[in-house]
Amino acid sequence: MKDLGLAGWCAIGFLLLVIIGFNLWLYEFFKSKGDIPEIQILKRSFQALQKPFGQEEEQISELARKVREINSSSKKE
């Protein structure tokens, strides 16, 4: 096996740092993800299946309500 040289060792060291950093990030991500109970996750999933556009519909309803308020206040003036 040939000698790697300085650039080769730097590349290996960099790859090791990236792999270790990624694993630490995954560990912290899944460790903090346990804060939400599994029941809440299932509940959100079923709500999304029942009403796939539920959040968008709520936002549209809120926008329509605000437009009605603006129209009614502008008619009074």
N, C-alpha and C. Protein backbone atom coordinates (compact mmCIF):
# COMPACT_ATOMS: atom_id res chain seq x y z
N MET A 1 0.85 -1.18 0.00
CA MET A 1 0.00 0.00 0.00
C MET A 1 0.89 1.24 0.00
N LYS A 2 0.58 2.16 -0.87
CA LYS A 2 1.39 3.37 -0.99
C LYS A 2 1.08 4.33 0.15
N ASP A 3 2.03 5.22 0.40
CA ASP A 3 1.79 6.26 1.40
C ASP A 3 0.72 7.22 0.89
N LEU A 4 -0.12 7.65 1.80
CA LEU A 4 -1.22 8.52 1.42
C LEU A 4 -0.78 9.96 1.21
N GLY A 5 0.10 10.42 1.99
CA GLY A 5 0.51 11.81 1.89
C GLY A 5 -0.39 12.69 2.75
N LEU A 6 -0.02 13.94 2.83
CA LEU A 6 -0.73 14.87 3.71
C LEU A 6 -2.17 15.12 3.23
N ALA A 7 -2.38 15.28 1.95
CA ALA A 7 -3.73 15.55 1.43
C ALA A 7 -4.66 14.37 1.68
N GLY A 8 -4.16 13.17 1.54
CA GLY A 8 -4.98 11.98 1.79
C GLY A 8 -5.41 11.88 3.24
N TRP A 9 -4.46 12.12 4.14
CA TRP A 9 -4.80 12.07 5.57
C TRP A 9 -5.77 13.19 5.95
N CYS A 10 -5.60 14.35 5.35
CA CYS A 10 -6.54 15.46 5.60
C CYS A 10 -7.94 15.09 5.11
N ALA A 11 -8.02 14.44 3.95
CA ALA A 11 -9.32 14.03 3.42
C ALA A 11 -9.97 12.99 4.32
N ILE A 12 -9.20 12.04 4.80
CA ILE A 12 -9.74 11.02 5.71
C ILE A 12 -10.21 11.66 7.01
N GLY A 13 -9.41 12.58 7.55
CA GLY A 13 -9.80 13.28 8.78
C GLY A 13 -11.07 14.09 8.59
N PHE A 14 -11.18 14.76 7.44
CA PHE A 14 -12.38 15.55 7.15
C PHE A 14 -13.61 14.64 7.06
N LEU A 15 -13.48 13.52 6.38
CA LEU A 15 -14.60 12.58 6.27
C LEU A 15 -15.01 12.04 7.64
N LEU A 16 -14.05 11.74 8.48
CA LEU A 16 -14.37 11.27 9.83
C LEU A 16 -15.11 12.34 10.62
N LEU A 17 -14.68 13.59 10.51
CA LEU A 17 -15.37 14.68 11.21
C LEU A 17 -16.80 14.84 10.70
N VAL A 18 -16.99 14.73 9.40
CA VAL A 18 -18.34 14.85 8.83
C VAL A 18 -19.22 13.71 9.32
N ILE A 19 -18.72 12.51 9.31
CA ILE A 19 -19.50 11.34 9.74
C ILE A 19 -19.85 11.45 11.22
N ILE A 20 -18.88 11.81 12.05
CA ILE A 20 -19.14 11.94 13.49
C ILE A 20 -20.13 13.08 13.74
N GLY A 21 -19.95 14.20 13.05
CA GLY A 21 -20.88 15.32 13.21
C GLY A 21 -22.29 14.96 12.80
N PHE A 22 -22.42 14.24 11.70
CA PHE A 22 -23.75 13.84 11.24
C PHE A 22 -24.41 12.90 12.24
N ASN A 23 -23.65 11.96 12.78
CA ASN A 23 -24.20 11.04 13.78
C ASN A 23 -24.62 11.77 15.05
N LEU A 24 -23.83 12.73 15.49
CA LEU A 24 -24.21 13.51 16.67
C LEU A 24 -25.48 14.32 16.41
N TRP A 25 -25.58 14.88 15.21
CA TRP A 25 -26.79 15.64 14.85
C TRP A 25 -28.01 14.72 14.86
N LEU A 26 -27.89 13.53 14.28
CA LEU A 26 -29.01 12.58 14.29
C LEU A 26 -29.39 12.19 15.70
N TYR A 27 -28.41 11.96 16.55
CA TYR A 27 -28.69 11.60 17.94
C TYR A 27 -29.47 12.70 18.64
N GLU A 28 -29.04 13.94 18.51
CA GLU A 28 -29.74 15.06 19.15
C GLU A 28 -31.13 15.25 18.55
N PHE A 29 -31.26 15.07 17.25
CA PHE A 29 -32.55 15.25 16.58
C PHE A 29 -33.57 14.25 17.10
N PHE A 30 -33.19 12.98 17.17
CA PHE A 30 -34.14 11.96 17.62
C PHE A 30 -34.33 11.99 19.14
N LYS A 31 -33.34 12.47 19.86
CA LYS A 31 -33.48 12.59 21.31
C LYS A 31 -34.52 13.66 21.64
N SER A 32 -34.50 14.79 20.94
CA SER A 32 -35.46 15.86 21.22
C SER A 32 -36.81 15.58 20.58
N LYS A 33 -36.86 14.69 19.61
CA LYS A 33 -38.12 14.37 18.96
C LYS A 33 -39.05 13.60 19.89
N GLY A 34 -38.53 12.99 20.92
CA GLY A 34 -39.33 12.23 21.86
C GLY A 34 -40.21 13.11 22.75
N ASP A 35 -40.09 14.44 22.64
CA ASP A 35 -40.89 15.33 23.46
C ASP A 35 -42.37 15.24 23.11
N ILE A 36 -42.71 14.96 21.86
CA ILE A 36 -44.10 14.84 21.43
C ILE A 36 -44.53 13.39 21.63
N PRO A 37 -45.59 13.17 22.40
CA PRO A 37 -46.05 11.79 22.59
C PRO A 37 -46.50 11.17 21.26
N GLU A 38 -46.37 9.87 21.19
CA GLU A 38 -46.73 9.17 19.96
C GLU A 38 -48.20 9.32 19.63
N ILE A 39 -49.04 9.47 20.66
CA ILE A 39 -50.47 9.65 20.43
C ILE A 39 -50.72 10.94 19.65
N GLN A 40 -49.99 12.00 19.99
CA GLN A 40 -50.15 13.27 19.29
C GLN A 40 -49.74 13.13 17.82
N ILE A 41 -48.70 12.38 17.57
CA ILE A 41 -48.25 12.18 16.19
C ILE A 41 -49.32 11.42 15.41
N LEU A 42 -49.88 10.37 16.02
CA LEU A 42 -50.94 9.61 15.35
C LEU A 42 -52.18 10.48 15.12
N LYS A 43 -52.52 11.29 16.10
CA LYS A 43 -53.69 12.17 15.98
C LYS A 43 -53.51 13.15 14.82
N ARG A 44 -52.33 13.74 14.73
CA ARG A 44 -52.06 14.67 13.62
C ARG A 44 -52.11 13.94 12.27
N SER A 45 -51.61 12.72 12.24
CA SER A 45 -51.63 11.96 10.99
C SER A 45 -53.06 11.66 10.55
N PHE A 46 -53.92 11.24 11.50
CA PHE A 46 -55.31 10.95 11.15
C PHE A 46 -56.05 12.22 10.73
N GLN A 47 -55.76 13.34 11.38
CA GLN A 47 -56.39 14.60 10.99
C GLN A 47 -55.97 14.99 9.58
N ALA A 48 -54.71 14.78 9.26
CA ALA A 48 -54.23 15.10 7.92
C ALA A 48 -54.86 14.19 6.88
N LEU A 49 -55.12 12.94 7.24
CA LEU A 49 -55.77 12.02 6.31
C LEU A 49 -57.24 12.37 6.12
N GLN A 50 -57.91 12.80 7.19
CA GLN A 50 -59.32 13.15 7.09
C GLN A 50 -59.52 14.45 6.33
N LYS A 51 -58.70 15.44 6.63
CA LYS A 51 -58.79 16.74 5.97
C LYS A 51 -57.40 17.12 5.48
N PRO A 52 -57.04 16.69 4.28
CA PRO A 52 -55.68 16.96 3.81
C PRO A 52 -55.37 18.44 3.66
N PHE A 53 -56.41 19.26 3.41
CA PHE A 53 -56.20 20.69 3.25
C PHE A 53 -56.86 21.47 4.38
N GLY A 54 -56.90 20.89 5.56
CA GLY A 54 -57.58 21.50 6.70
C GLY A 54 -56.97 22.83 7.10
N GLN A 55 -55.66 22.90 7.18
CA GLN A 55 -55.00 24.15 7.57
C GLN A 55 -55.22 25.23 6.52
N GLU A 56 -55.15 24.86 5.26
CA GLU A 56 -55.35 25.83 4.20
C GLU A 56 -56.79 26.35 4.21
N GLU A 57 -57.75 25.46 4.46
CA GLU A 57 -59.14 25.88 4.51
C GLU A 57 -59.38 26.84 5.67
N GLU A 58 -58.74 26.59 6.81
CA GLU A 58 -58.87 27.50 7.95
C GLU A 58 -58.27 28.87 7.62
N GLN A 59 -57.14 28.87 6.93
CA GLN A 59 -56.52 30.14 6.56
C GLN A 59 -57.39 30.90 5.56
N ILE A 60 -58.00 30.19 4.62
CA ILE A 60 -58.89 30.84 3.65
C ILE A 60 -60.12 31.40 4.35
N SER A 61 -60.66 30.66 5.31
CA SER A 61 -61.82 31.14 6.07
C SER A 61 -61.47 32.40 6.85
N GLU A 62 -60.30 32.41 7.46
CA GLU A 62 -59.85 33.59 8.21
C GLU A 62 -59.68 34.78 7.27
N LEU A 63 -59.12 34.55 6.11
CA LEU A 63 -58.95 35.62 5.13
C LEU A 63 -60.30 36.15 4.67
N ALA A 64 -61.25 35.27 4.41
CA ALA A 64 -62.58 35.69 3.99
C ALA A 64 -63.26 36.51 5.08
N ARG A 65 -63.09 36.12 6.33
CA ARG A 65 -63.68 36.87 7.45
C ARG A 65 -63.08 38.27 7.53
N LYS A 66 -61.78 38.38 7.36
CA LYS A 66 -61.13 39.69 7.40
C LYS A 66 -61.57 40.57 6.24
N VAL A 67 -61.75 39.98 5.07
CA VAL A 67 -62.22 40.75 3.91
C VAL A 67 -63.63 41.25 4.15
N ARG A 68 -64.49 40.40 4.73
CA ARG A 68 -65.86 40.85 5.05
C ARG A 68 -65.83 42.01 6.04
N GLU A 69 -64.95 41.94 7.04
CA GLU A 69 -64.83 43.02 8.01
C GLU A 69 -64.39 44.31 7.34
N ILE A 70 -63.41 44.21 6.47
CA ILE A 70 -62.91 45.40 5.77
C ILE A 70 -64.00 45.97 4.87
N ASN A 71 -64.72 45.12 4.15
CA ASN A 71 -65.79 45.59 3.27
C ASN A 71 -66.91 46.25 4.06
N SER A 72 -67.28 45.67 5.19
CA SER A 72 -68.36 46.25 5.98
C SER A 72 -67.93 47.57 6.61
N SER A 73 -66.67 47.69 7.01
CA SER A 73 -66.20 48.95 7.59
C SER A 73 -66.05 50.03 6.52
N SER A 74 -65.69 49.64 5.29
CA SER A 74 -65.54 50.64 4.22
C SER A 74 -66.91 51.11 3.72
N LYS A 75 -67.94 50.28 3.80
CA LYS A 75 -69.28 50.69 3.39
C LYS A 75 -69.89 51.67 4.37
N LYS A 76 -69.51 51.57 5.65
CA LYS A 76 -70.03 52.48 6.66
C LYS A 76 -69.47 53.88 6.49
N GLU A 77 -68.31 54.00 5.93
CA GLU A 77 -67.66 55.31 5.77
C GLU A 77 -68.20 56.03 4.62
